[in-house]
Amino acid sequence: DVNFESFFTTWSAVVEQVIAGDWQAGRDLHLRVTAYGE
């Protein structure tokens, strides 16, 4: 959501890990803001 900076930093670092060969890092990342509602 609007507070995306920390998510982007973490995501791009994991993309780097996966490209370098750590396939599991991409599977282990879970960054999803929960949209609460009625």
PDB file of all heavy atoms in Angstrom:
ATOM      1  N   ASP A   1       0.845  -1.194   0.000  1.00  0.00           N
ATOM      2  CA  ASP A   1       0.000   0.000   0.000  1.00  0.00           C
ATOM      3  C   ASP A   1       0.879   1.242   0.000  1.00  0.00           C
ATOM      4  O   ASP A   1       2.019   1.201  -0.491  1.00  0.00           O
ATOM      5  CB  ASP A   1      -0.975  -0.029   1.178  1.00  0.00           C
ATOM      6  CG  ASP A   1      -0.256  -0.011   2.534  1.00  0.00           C
ATOM      7  OD1 ASP A   1       0.989   0.043   2.549  1.00  0.00           O
ATOM      8  OD2 ASP A   1      -0.950  -0.046   3.567  1.00  0.00           O
ATOM      9  N   VAL A   2       0.396   2.336   0.543  1.00  0.00           N
ATOM     10  CA  VAL A   2       1.150   3.596   0.472  1.00  0.00           C
ATOM     11  C   VAL A   2       2.472   3.535   1.239  1.00  0.00           C
ATOM     12  O   VAL A   2       3.402   4.288   0.935  1.00  0.00           O
ATOM     13  CB  VAL A   2       0.297   4.776   0.994  1.00  0.00           C
ATOM     14  CG1 VAL A   2      -0.862   5.048   0.050  1.00  0.00           C
ATOM     15  CG2 VAL A   2      -0.230   4.492   2.405  1.00  0.00           C
ATOM     16  N   ASN A   3       2.566   2.662   2.224  1.00  0.00           N
ATOM     17  CA  ASN A   3       3.827   2.497   2.967  1.00  0.00           C
ATOM     18  C   ASN A   3       4.640   1.373   2.325  1.00  0.00           C
ATOM     19  O   ASN A   3       4.839   0.312   2.909  1.00  0.00           O
ATOM     20  CB  ASN A   3       3.526   2.176   4.440  1.00  0.00           C
ATOM     21  CG  ASN A   3       2.727   3.271   5.108  1.00  0.00           C
ATOM     22  OD1 ASN A   3       3.122   4.424   5.091  1.00  0.00           O
ATOM     23  ND2 ASN A   3       1.585   2.921   5.680  1.00  0.00           N
ATOM     24  N   PHE A   4       5.106   1.627   1.101  1.00  0.00           N
ATOM     25  CA  PHE A   4       5.701   0.562   0.293  1.00  0.00           C
ATOM     26  C   PHE A   4       7.220   0.473   0.372  1.00  0.00           C
ATOM     27  O   PHE A   4       7.814  -0.493  -0.125  1.00  0.00           O
ATOM     28  CB  PHE A   4       5.308   0.737  -1.178  1.00  0.00           C
ATOM     29  CG  PHE A   4       5.654   2.073  -1.754  1.00  0.00           C
ATOM     30  CD1 PHE A   4       6.949   2.381  -2.143  1.00  0.00           C
ATOM     31  CD2 PHE A   4       4.667   3.042  -1.918  1.00  0.00           C
ATOM     32  CE1 PHE A   4       7.270   3.615  -2.672  1.00  0.00           C
ATOM     33  CE2 PHE A   4       4.976   4.283  -2.449  1.00  0.00           C
ATOM     34  CZ  PHE A   4       6.284   4.572  -2.828  1.00  0.00           C
ATOM     35  N   GLU A   5       7.882   1.467   0.962  1.00  0.00           N
ATOM     36  CA  GLU A   5       9.342   1.529   0.879  1.00  0.00           C
ATOM     37  C   GLU A   5      10.025   0.288   1.457  1.00  0.00           C
ATOM     38  O   GLU A   5      10.911  -0.292   0.820  1.00  0.00           O
ATOM     39  CB  GLU A   5       9.862   2.781   1.576  1.00  0.00           C
ATOM     40  CG  GLU A   5       9.742   4.045   0.751  1.00  0.00           C
ATOM     41  CD  GLU A   5      10.642   4.032  -0.493  1.00  0.00           C
ATOM     42  OE1 GLU A   5      11.606   3.234  -0.539  1.00  0.00           O
ATOM     43  OE2 GLU A   5      10.384   4.826  -1.407  1.00  0.00           O
ATOM     44  N   SER A   6       9.641  -0.116   2.662  1.00  0.00           N
ATOM     45  CA  SER A   6      10.299  -1.283   3.267  1.00  0.00           C
ATOM     46  C   SER A   6       9.999  -2.546   2.479  1.00  0.00           C
ATOM     47  O   SER A   6      10.862  -3.424   2.336  1.00  0.00           O
ATOM     48  CB  SER A   6       9.860  -1.442   4.726  1.00  0.00           C
ATOM     49  OG  SER A   6       8.473  -1.693   4.823  1.00  0.00           O
ATOM     50  N   PHE A   7       8.782  -2.658   1.951  1.00  0.00           N
ATOM     51  CA  PHE A   7       8.426  -3.812   1.118  1.00  0.00           C
ATOM     52  C   PHE A   7       9.303  -3.861  -0.132  1.00  0.00           C
ATOM     53  O   PHE A   7       9.798  -4.925  -0.515  1.00  0.00           O
ATOM     54  CB  PHE A   7       6.950  -3.726   0.699  1.00  0.00           C
ATOM     55  CG  PHE A   7       5.983  -4.296   1.695  1.00  0.00           C
ATOM     56  CD1 PHE A   7       6.276  -4.337   3.043  1.00  0.00           C
ATOM     57  CD2 PHE A   7       4.752  -4.796   1.283  1.00  0.00           C
ATOM     58  CE1 PHE A   7       5.377  -4.858   3.959  1.00  0.00           C
ATOM     59  CE2 PHE A   7       3.853  -5.326   2.180  1.00  0.00           C
ATOM     60  CZ  PHE A   7       4.159  -5.356   3.530  1.00  0.00           C
ATOM     61  N   PHE A   8       9.497  -2.692  -0.767  1.00  0.00           N
ATOM     62  CA  PHE A   8      10.277  -2.666  -2.004  1.00  0.00           C
ATOM     63  C   PHE A   8      11.734  -3.030  -1.739  1.00  0.00           C
ATOM     64  O   PHE A   8      12.343  -3.783  -2.519  1.00  0.00           O
ATOM     65  CB  PHE A   8      10.197  -1.280  -2.649  1.00  0.00           C
ATOM     66  CG  PHE A   8      10.946  -1.182  -3.951  1.00  0.00           C
ATOM     67  CD1 PHE A   8      10.434  -1.763  -5.094  1.00  0.00           C
ATOM     68  CD2 PHE A   8      12.162  -0.521  -4.019  1.00  0.00           C
ATOM     69  CE1 PHE A   8      11.128  -1.691  -6.300  1.00  0.00           C
ATOM     70  CE2 PHE A   8      12.857  -0.438  -5.215  1.00  0.00           C
ATOM     71  CZ  PHE A   8      12.332  -1.026  -6.355  1.00  0.00           C
ATOM     72  N   THR A   9      12.281  -2.530  -0.645  1.00  0.00           N
ATOM     73  CA  THR A   9      13.669  -2.855  -0.295  1.00  0.00           C
ATOM     74  C   THR A   9      13.841  -4.350  -0.077  1.00  0.00           C
ATOM     75  O   THR A   9      14.791  -4.963  -0.576  1.00  0.00           O
ATOM     76  CB  THR A   9      14.087  -2.083   0.972  1.00  0.00           C
ATOM     77  OG1 THR A   9      13.985  -0.678   0.723  1.00  0.00           O
ATOM     78  CG2 THR A   9      15.508  -2.428   1.365  1.00  0.00           C
ATOM     79  N   THR A  10      12.902  -4.947   0.653  1.00  0.00           N
ATOM     80  CA  THR A  10      12.976  -6.385   0.929  1.00  0.00           C
ATOM     81  C   THR A  10      12.786  -7.197  -0.341  1.00  0.00           C
ATOM     82  O   THR A  10      13.528  -8.146  -0.614  1.00  0.00           O
ATOM     83  CB  THR A  10      11.906  -6.779   1.970  1.00  0.00           C
ATOM     84  OG1 THR A  10      12.104  -6.026   3.165  1.00  0.00           O
ATOM     85  CG2 THR A  10      11.973  -8.265   2.286  1.00  0.00           C
ATOM     86  N   TRP A  11      11.793  -6.816  -1.139  1.00  0.00           N
ATOM     87  CA  TRP A  11      11.490  -7.558  -2.366  1.00  0.00           C
ATOM     88  C   TRP A  11      12.662  -7.535  -3.341  1.00  0.00           C
ATOM     89  O   TRP A  11      13.051  -8.575  -3.879  1.00  0.00           O
ATOM     90  CB  TRP A  11      10.250  -6.960  -3.026  1.00  0.00           C
ATOM     91  CG  TRP A  11       9.878  -7.576  -4.345  1.00  0.00           C
ATOM     92  CD1 TRP A  11       9.285  -8.785  -4.554  1.00  0.00           C
ATOM     93  CD2 TRP A  11      10.056  -6.992  -5.651  1.00  0.00           C
ATOM     94  NE1 TRP A  11       9.076  -8.990  -5.899  1.00  0.00           N
ATOM     95  CE2 TRP A  11       9.544  -7.906  -6.592  1.00  0.00           C
ATOM     96  CE3 TRP A  11      10.600  -5.788  -6.092  1.00  0.00           C
ATOM     97  CZ2 TRP A  11       9.556  -7.647  -7.960  1.00  0.00           C
ATOM     98  CZ3 TRP A  11      10.608  -5.530  -7.454  1.00  0.00           C
ATOM     99  CH2 TRP A  11      10.099  -6.453  -8.381  1.00  0.00           C
ATOM    100  N   SER A  12      13.238  -6.373  -3.571  1.00  0.00           N
ATOM    101  CA  SER A  12      14.346  -6.273  -4.525  1.00  0.00           C
ATOM    102  C   SER A  12      15.560  -7.067  -4.035  1.00  0.00           C
ATOM    103  O   SER A  12      16.285  -7.674  -4.847  1.00  0.00           O
ATOM    104  CB  SER A  12      14.714  -4.808  -4.776  1.00  0.00           C
ATOM    105  OG  SER A  12      14.998  -4.130  -3.570  1.00  0.00           O
ATOM    106  N   ALA A  13      15.772  -7.103  -2.712  1.00  0.00           N
ATOM    107  CA  ALA A  13      16.879  -7.905  -2.172  1.00  0.00           C
ATOM    108  C   ALA A  13      16.651  -9.390  -2.393  1.00  0.00           C
ATOM    109  O   ALA A  13      17.592 -10.136  -2.694  1.00  0.00           O
ATOM    110  CB  ALA A  13      17.045  -7.616  -0.676  1.00  0.00           C
ATOM    111  N   VAL A  14      15.404  -9.828  -2.278  1.00  0.00           N
ATOM    112  CA  VAL A  14      15.093 -11.244  -2.506  1.00  0.00           C
ATOM    113  C   VAL A  14      15.211 -11.583  -3.983  1.00  0.00           C
ATOM    114  O   VAL A  14      15.675 -12.672  -4.350  1.00  0.00           O
ATOM    115  CB  VAL A  14      13.694 -11.586  -1.961  1.00  0.00           C
ATOM    116  CG1 VAL A  14      13.273 -12.984  -2.387  1.00  0.00           C
ATOM    117  CG2 VAL A  14      13.682 -11.471  -0.445  1.00  0.00           C
ATOM    118  N   VAL A  15      14.797 -10.653  -4.856  1.00  0.00           N
ATOM    119  CA  VAL A  15      14.985 -10.879  -6.297  1.00  0.00           C
ATOM    120  C   VAL A  15      16.474 -11.101  -6.587  1.00  0.00           C
ATOM    121  O   VAL A  15      16.847 -11.994  -7.359  1.00  0.00           O
ATOM    122  CB  VAL A  15      14.446  -9.683  -7.113  1.00  0.00           C
ATOM    123  CG1 VAL A  15      14.852  -9.811  -8.588  1.00  0.00           C
ATOM    124  CG2 VAL A  15      12.923  -9.598  -6.999  1.00  0.00           C
ATOM    125  N   GLU A  16      17.320 -10.306  -5.950  1.00  0.00           N
ATOM    126  CA  GLU A  16      18.764 -10.480  -6.114  1.00  0.00           C
ATOM    127  C   GLU A  16      19.214 -11.865  -5.652  1.00  0.00           C
ATOM    128  O   GLU A  16      20.012 -12.534  -6.342  1.00  0.00           O
ATOM    129  CB  GLU A  16      19.518  -9.403  -5.345  1.00  0.00           C
ATOM    130  CG  GLU A  16      21.041  -9.518  -5.455  1.00  0.00           C
ATOM    131  CD  GLU A  16      21.779  -8.431  -4.713  1.00  0.00           C
ATOM    132  OE1 GLU A  16      21.131  -7.658  -3.959  1.00  0.00           O
ATOM    133  OE2 GLU A  16      23.012  -8.329  -4.877  1.00  0.00           O
ATOM    134  N   GLN A  17      18.703 -12.313  -4.511  1.00  0.00           N
ATOM    135  CA  GLN A  17      19.075 -13.636  -3.996  1.00  0.00           C
ATOM    136  C   GLN A  17      18.666 -14.743  -4.957  1.00  0.00           C
ATOM    137  O   GLN A  17      19.431 -15.683  -5.209  1.00  0.00           O
ATOM    138  CB  GLN A  17      18.405 -13.886  -2.635  1.00  0.00           C
ATOM    139  CG  GLN A  17      18.959 -13.072  -1.486  1.00  0.00           C
ATOM    140  CD  GLN A  17      18.187 -13.352  -0.217  1.00  0.00           C
ATOM    141  OE1 GLN A  17      17.310 -12.590   0.184  1.00  0.00           O
ATOM    142  NE2 GLN A  17      18.503 -14.446   0.444  1.00  0.00           N
ATOM    143  N   VAL A  18      17.478 -14.630  -5.504  1.00  0.00           N
ATOM    144  CA  VAL A  18      16.986 -15.674  -6.410  1.00  0.00           C
ATOM    145  C   VAL A  18      17.814 -15.709  -7.688  1.00  0.00           C
ATOM    146  O   VAL A  18      18.199 -16.785  -8.176  1.00  0.00           O
ATOM    147  CB  VAL A  18      15.495 -15.465  -6.728  1.00  0.00           C
ATOM    148  CG1 VAL A  18      15.032 -16.478  -7.770  1.00  0.00           C
ATOM    149  CG2 VAL A  18      14.655 -15.596  -5.453  1.00  0.00           C
ATOM    150  N   ILE A  19      18.101 -14.553  -8.242  1.00  0.00           N
ATOM    151  CA  ILE A  19      18.914 -14.501  -9.461  1.00  0.00           C
ATOM    152  C   ILE A  19      20.298 -15.093  -9.211  1.00  0.00           C
ATOM    153  O   ILE A  19      20.901 -15.730 -10.088  1.00  0.00           O
ATOM    154  CB  ILE A  19      19.009 -13.052  -9.977  1.00  0.00           C
ATOM    155  CG1 ILE A  19      17.648 -12.614 -10.538  1.00  0.00           C
ATOM    156  CG2 ILE A  19      20.088 -12.910 -11.044  1.00  0.00           C
ATOM    157  CD1 ILE A  19      17.599 -11.180 -10.999  1.00  0.00           C
ATOM    158  N   ALA A  20      20.782 -14.918  -7.969  1.00  0.00           N
ATOM    159  CA  ALA A  20      22.098 -15.461  -7.615  1.00  0.00           C
ATOM    160  C   ALA A  20      22.054 -16.958  -7.346  1.00  0.00           C
ATOM    161  O   ALA A  20      23.099 -17.575  -7.131  1.00  0.00           O
ATOM    162  CB  ALA A  20      22.644 -14.740  -6.386  1.00  0.00           C
ATOM    163  N   GLY A  21      20.841 -17.541  -7.358  1.00  0.00           N
ATOM    164  CA  GLY A  21      20.747 -18.989  -7.211  1.00  0.00           C
ATOM    165  C   GLY A  21      19.965 -19.492  -6.018  1.00  0.00           C
ATOM    166  O   GLY A  21      19.743 -20.700  -5.877  1.00  0.00           O
ATOM    167  N   ASP A  22      19.536 -18.590  -5.125  1.00  0.00           N
ATOM    168  CA  ASP A  22      18.774 -19.008  -3.947  1.00  0.00           C
ATOM    169  C   ASP A  22      17.287 -19.032  -4.285  1.00  0.00           C
ATOM    170  O   ASP A  22      16.535 -18.128  -3.972  1.00  0.00           O
ATOM    171  CB  ASP A  22      19.049 -18.055  -2.781  1.00  0.00           C
ATOM    172  CG  ASP A  22      18.404 -18.520  -1.484  1.00  0.00           C
ATOM    173  OD1 ASP A  22      17.722 -19.566  -1.488  1.00  0.00           O
ATOM    174  OD2 ASP A  22      18.569 -17.823  -0.459  1.00  0.00           O
ATOM    175  N   TRP A  23      16.864 -20.090  -4.906  1.00  0.00           N
ATOM    176  CA  TRP A  23      15.483 -20.230  -5.366  1.00  0.00           C
ATOM    177  C   TRP A  23      14.493 -20.215  -4.199  1.00  0.00           C
ATOM    178  O   TRP A  23      13.396 -19.685  -4.298  1.00  0.00           O
ATOM    179  CB  TRP A  23      15.356 -21.522  -6.163  1.00  0.00           C
ATOM    180  CG  TRP A  23      14.012 -21.776  -6.761  1.00  0.00           C
ATOM    181  CD1 TRP A  23      13.070 -22.638  -6.325  1.00  0.00           C
ATOM    182  CD2 TRP A  23      13.467 -21.150  -7.927  1.00  0.00           C
ATOM    183  NE1 TRP A  23      11.965 -22.608  -7.130  1.00  0.00           N
ATOM    184  CE2 TRP A  23      12.188 -21.699  -8.126  1.00  0.00           C
ATOM    185  CE3 TRP A  23      13.940 -20.186  -8.823  1.00  0.00           C
ATOM    186  CZ2 TRP A  23      11.366 -21.310  -9.181  1.00  0.00           C
ATOM    187  CZ3 TRP A  23      13.130 -19.807  -9.877  1.00  0.00           C
ATOM    188  CH2 TRP A  23      11.863 -20.369 -10.048  1.00  0.00           C
ATOM    189  N   GLN A  24      14.898 -20.786  -3.067  1.00  0.00           N
ATOM    190  CA  GLN A  24      14.004 -20.896  -1.917  1.00  0.00           C
ATOM    191  C   GLN A  24      13.654 -19.533  -1.324  1.00  0.00           C
ATOM    192  O   GLN A  24      12.578 -19.351  -0.749  1.00  0.00           O
ATOM    193  CB  GLN A  24      14.655 -21.768  -0.834  1.00  0.00           C
ATOM    194  CG  GLN A  24      13.719 -22.153   0.310  1.00  0.00           C
ATOM    195  CD  GLN A  24      12.515 -22.955  -0.155  1.00  0.00           C
ATOM    196  OE1 GLN A  24      12.623 -23.812  -1.038  1.00  0.00           O
ATOM    197  NE2 GLN A  24      11.353 -22.667   0.418  1.00  0.00           N
ATOM    198  N   ALA A  25      14.536 -18.556  -1.465  1.00  0.00           N
ATOM    199  CA  ALA A  25      14.286 -17.230  -0.905  1.00  0.00           C
ATOM    200  C   ALA A  25      13.003 -16.618  -1.466  1.00  0.00           C
ATOM    201  O   ALA A  25      12.248 -15.946  -0.747  1.00  0.00           O
ATOM    202  CB  ALA A  25      15.472 -16.305  -1.165  1.00  0.00           C
ATOM    203  N   GLY A  26      12.757 -16.854  -2.746  1.00  0.00           N
ATOM    204  CA  GLY A  26      11.544 -16.321  -3.371  1.00  0.00           C
ATOM    205  C   GLY A  26      10.289 -16.987  -2.858  1.00  0.00           C
ATOM    206  O   GLY A  26       9.240 -16.349  -2.723  1.00  0.00           O
ATOM    207  N   ARG A  27      10.389 -18.278  -2.558  1.00  0.00           N
ATOM    208  CA  ARG A  27       9.236 -18.999  -2.017  1.00  0.00           C
ATOM    209  C   ARG A  27       8.944 -18.613  -0.577  1.00  0.00           C
ATOM    210  O   ARG A  27       7.794 -18.666  -0.123  1.00  0.00           O
ATOM    211  CB  ARG A  27       9.484 -20.501  -2.098  1.00  0.00           C
ATOM    212  CG  ARG A  27       9.596 -21.046  -3.519  1.00  0.00           C
ATOM    213  CD  ARG A  27       9.999 -22.505  -3.496  1.00  0.00           C
ATOM    214  NE  ARG A  27      10.076 -23.061  -4.843  1.00  0.00           N
ATOM    215  CZ  ARG A  27      10.573 -24.277  -5.122  1.00  0.00           C
ATOM    216  NH1 ARG A  27      11.038 -25.035  -4.136  1.00  0.00           N
ATOM    217  NH2 ARG A  27      10.606 -24.700  -6.367  1.00  0.00           N
ATOM    218  N   ASP A  28       9.972 -18.212   0.143  1.00  0.00           N
ATOM    219  CA  ASP A  28       9.817 -17.898   1.565  1.00  0.00           C
ATOM    220  C   ASP A  28       9.317 -16.481   1.816  1.00  0.00           C
ATOM    221  O   ASP A  28       8.901 -16.163   2.932  1.00  0.00           O
ATOM    222  CB  ASP A  28      11.154 -18.087   2.303  1.00  0.00           C
ATOM    223  CG  ASP A  28      11.573 -19.549   2.367  1.00  0.00           C
ATOM    224  OD1 ASP A  28      10.700 -20.424   2.202  1.00  0.00           O
ATOM    225  OD2 ASP A  28      12.782 -19.797   2.586  1.00  0.00           O
ATOM    226  N   LEU A  29       9.360 -15.625   0.809  1.00  0.00           N
ATOM    227  CA  LEU A  29       8.959 -14.238   1.012  1.00  0.00           C
ATOM    228  C   LEU A  29       7.441 -14.110   0.960  1.00  0.00           C
ATOM    229  O   LEU A  29       6.793 -14.550   0.010  1.00  0.00           O
ATOM    230  CB  LEU A  29       9.578 -13.342  -0.067  1.00  0.00           C
ATOM    231  CG  LEU A  29       9.287 -11.846   0.111  1.00  0.00           C
ATOM    232  CD1 LEU A  29       9.982 -11.296   1.347  1.00  0.00           C
ATOM    233  CD2 LEU A  29       9.685 -11.066  -1.123  1.00  0.00           C
ATOM    234  N   HIS A  30       6.873 -13.489   1.975  1.00  0.00           N
ATOM    235  CA  HIS A  30       5.425 -13.258   2.019  1.00  0.00           C
ATOM    236  C   HIS A  30       5.187 -11.820   2.474  1.00  0.00           C
ATOM    237  O   HIS A  30       5.233 -11.516   3.656  1.00  0.00           O
ATOM    238  CB  HIS A  30       4.740 -14.245   2.972  1.00  0.00           C
ATOM    239  CG  HIS A  30       4.920 -15.677   2.577  1.00  0.00           C
ATOM    240  ND1 HIS A  30       4.201 -16.270   1.558  1.00  0.00           N
ATOM    241  CD2 HIS A  30       5.765 -16.627   3.051  1.00  0.00           C
ATOM    242  CE1 HIS A  30       4.585 -17.532   1.431  1.00  0.00           C
ATOM    243  NE2 HIS A  30       5.533 -17.771   2.318  1.00  0.00           N
ATOM    244  N   LEU A  31       4.960 -10.946   1.500  1.00  0.00           N
ATOM    245  CA  LEU A  31       4.739  -9.529   1.781  1.00  0.00           C
ATOM    246  C   LEU A  31       3.421  -9.111   1.136  1.00  0.00           C
ATOM    247  O   LEU A  31       3.372  -8.748  -0.038  1.00  0.00           O
ATOM    248  CB  LEU A  31       5.876  -8.673   1.221  1.00  0.00           C
ATOM    249  CG  LEU A  31       7.239  -8.752   1.907  1.00  0.00           C
ATOM    250  CD1 LEU A  31       8.239  -7.875   1.176  1.00  0.00           C
ATOM    251  CD2 LEU A  31       7.141  -8.334   3.366  1.00  0.00           C
ATOM    252  N   ARG A  32       2.359  -9.193   1.894  1.00  0.00           N
ATOM    253  CA  ARG A  32       1.053  -8.798   1.375  1.00  0.00           C
ATOM    254  C   ARG A  32       0.274  -8.076   2.460  1.00  0.00           C
ATOM    255  O   ARG A  32      -0.029  -8.655   3.504  1.00  0.00           O
ATOM    256  CB  ARG A  32       0.265 -10.006   0.870  1.00  0.00           C
ATOM    257  CG  ARG A  32       0.891 -10.624  -0.378  1.00  0.00           C
ATOM    258  CD  ARG A  32       0.141 -11.813  -0.898  1.00  0.00           C
ATOM    259  NE  ARG A  32       0.864 -12.415  -2.009  1.00  0.00           N
ATOM    260  CZ  ARG A  32       0.514 -13.563  -2.606  1.00  0.00           C
ATOM    261  NH1 ARG A  32      -0.545 -14.236  -2.164  1.00  0.00           N
ATOM    262  NH2 ARG A  32       1.225 -14.035  -3.600  1.00  0.00           N
ATOM    263  N   VAL A  33      -0.031  -6.816   2.198  1.00  0.00           N
ATOM    264  CA  VAL A  33      -0.838  -6.044   3.130  1.00  0.00           C
ATOM    265  C   VAL A  33      -2.251  -6.617   3.126  1.00  0.00           C
ATOM    266  O   VAL A  33      -2.822  -6.887   2.066  1.00  0.00           O
ATOM    267  CB  VAL A  33      -0.876  -4.559   2.719  1.00  0.00           C
ATOM    268  CG1 VAL A  33      -1.896  -3.794   3.548  1.00  0.00           C
ATOM    269  CG2 VAL A  33       0.505  -3.946   2.866  1.00  0.00           C
ATOM    270  N   THR A  34      -2.792  -6.843   4.298  1.00  0.00           N
ATOM    271  CA  THR A  34      -4.172  -7.307   4.408  1.00  0.00           C
ATOM    272  C   THR A  34      -5.111  -6.121   4.302  1.00  0.00           C
ATOM    273  O   THR A  34      -4.984  -5.158   5.054  1.00  0.00           O
ATOM    274  CB  THR A  34      -4.399  -8.023   5.751  1.00  0.00           C
ATOM    275  OG1 THR A  34      -3.502  -9.128   5.843  1.00  0.00           O
ATOM    276  CG2 THR A  34      -5.832  -8.517   5.862  1.00  0.00           C
ATOM    277  N   ALA A  35      -6.030  -6.195   3.368  1.00  0.00           N
ATOM    278  CA  ALA A  35      -7.010  -5.117   3.196  1.00  0.00           C
ATOM    279  C   ALA A  35      -8.245  -5.443   4.032  1.00  0.00           C
ATOM    280  O   ALA A  35      -9.099  -6.219   3.626  1.00  0.00           O
ATOM    281  CB  ALA A  35      -7.389  -4.977   1.721  1.00  0.00           C
ATOM    282  N   TYR A  36      -8.298  -4.877   5.229  1.00  0.00           N
ATOM    283  CA  TYR A  36      -9.448  -5.135   6.088  1.00  0.00           C
ATOM    284  C   TYR A  36     -10.664  -4.379   5.572  1.00  0.00           C
ATOM    285  O   TYR A  36     -10.558  -3.300   5.008  1.00  0.00           O
ATOM    286  CB  TYR A  36      -9.142  -4.699   7.524  1.00  0.00           C
ATOM    287  CG  TYR A  36      -8.035  -5.497   8.162  1.00  0.00           C
ATOM    288  CD1 TYR A  36      -6.810  -4.913   8.453  1.00  0.00           C
ATOM    289  CD2 TYR A  36      -8.214  -6.840   8.458  1.00  0.00           C
ATOM    290  CE1 TYR A  36      -5.786  -5.642   9.037  1.00  0.00           C
ATOM    291  CE2 TYR A  36      -7.191  -7.584   9.033  1.00  0.00           C
ATOM    292  CZ  TYR A  36      -5.982  -6.977   9.322  1.00  0.00           C
ATOM    293  OH  TYR A  36      -4.973  -7.708   9.895  1.00  0.00           O
ATOM    294  N   GLY A  37     -11.831  -4.949   5.784  1.00  0.00           N
ATOM    295  CA  GLY A  37     -13.073  -4.317   5.352  1.00  0.00           C
ATOM    296  C   GLY A  37     -14.244  -4.952   6.068  1.00  0.00           C
ATOM    297  O   GLY A  37     -14.079  -5.749   6.994  1.00  0.00           O
ATOM    298  N   GLU A  38     -15.447  -4.619   5.618  1.00  0.00           N
ATOM    299  CA  GLU A  38     -16.649  -5.110   6.288  1.00  0.00           C
ATOM    300  C   GLU A  38     -16.751  -6.634   6.254  1.00  0.00           C
ATOM    301  O   GLU A  38     -17.311  -7.245   7.172  1.00  0.00           O
ATOM    302  CB  GLU A  38     -17.886  -4.487   5.641  1.00  0.00           C
ATOM    303  CG  GLU A  38     -17.986  -2.983   5.875  1.00  0.00           C
ATOM    304  CD  GLU A  38     -19.199  -2.380   5.220  1.00  0.00           C
ATOM    305  OE1 GLU A  38     -20.303  -2.905   5.422  1.00  0.00           O
ATOM    306  OE2 GLU A  38     -19.044  -1.382   4.493  1.00  0.00           O
TER     307      GLU A  38
END
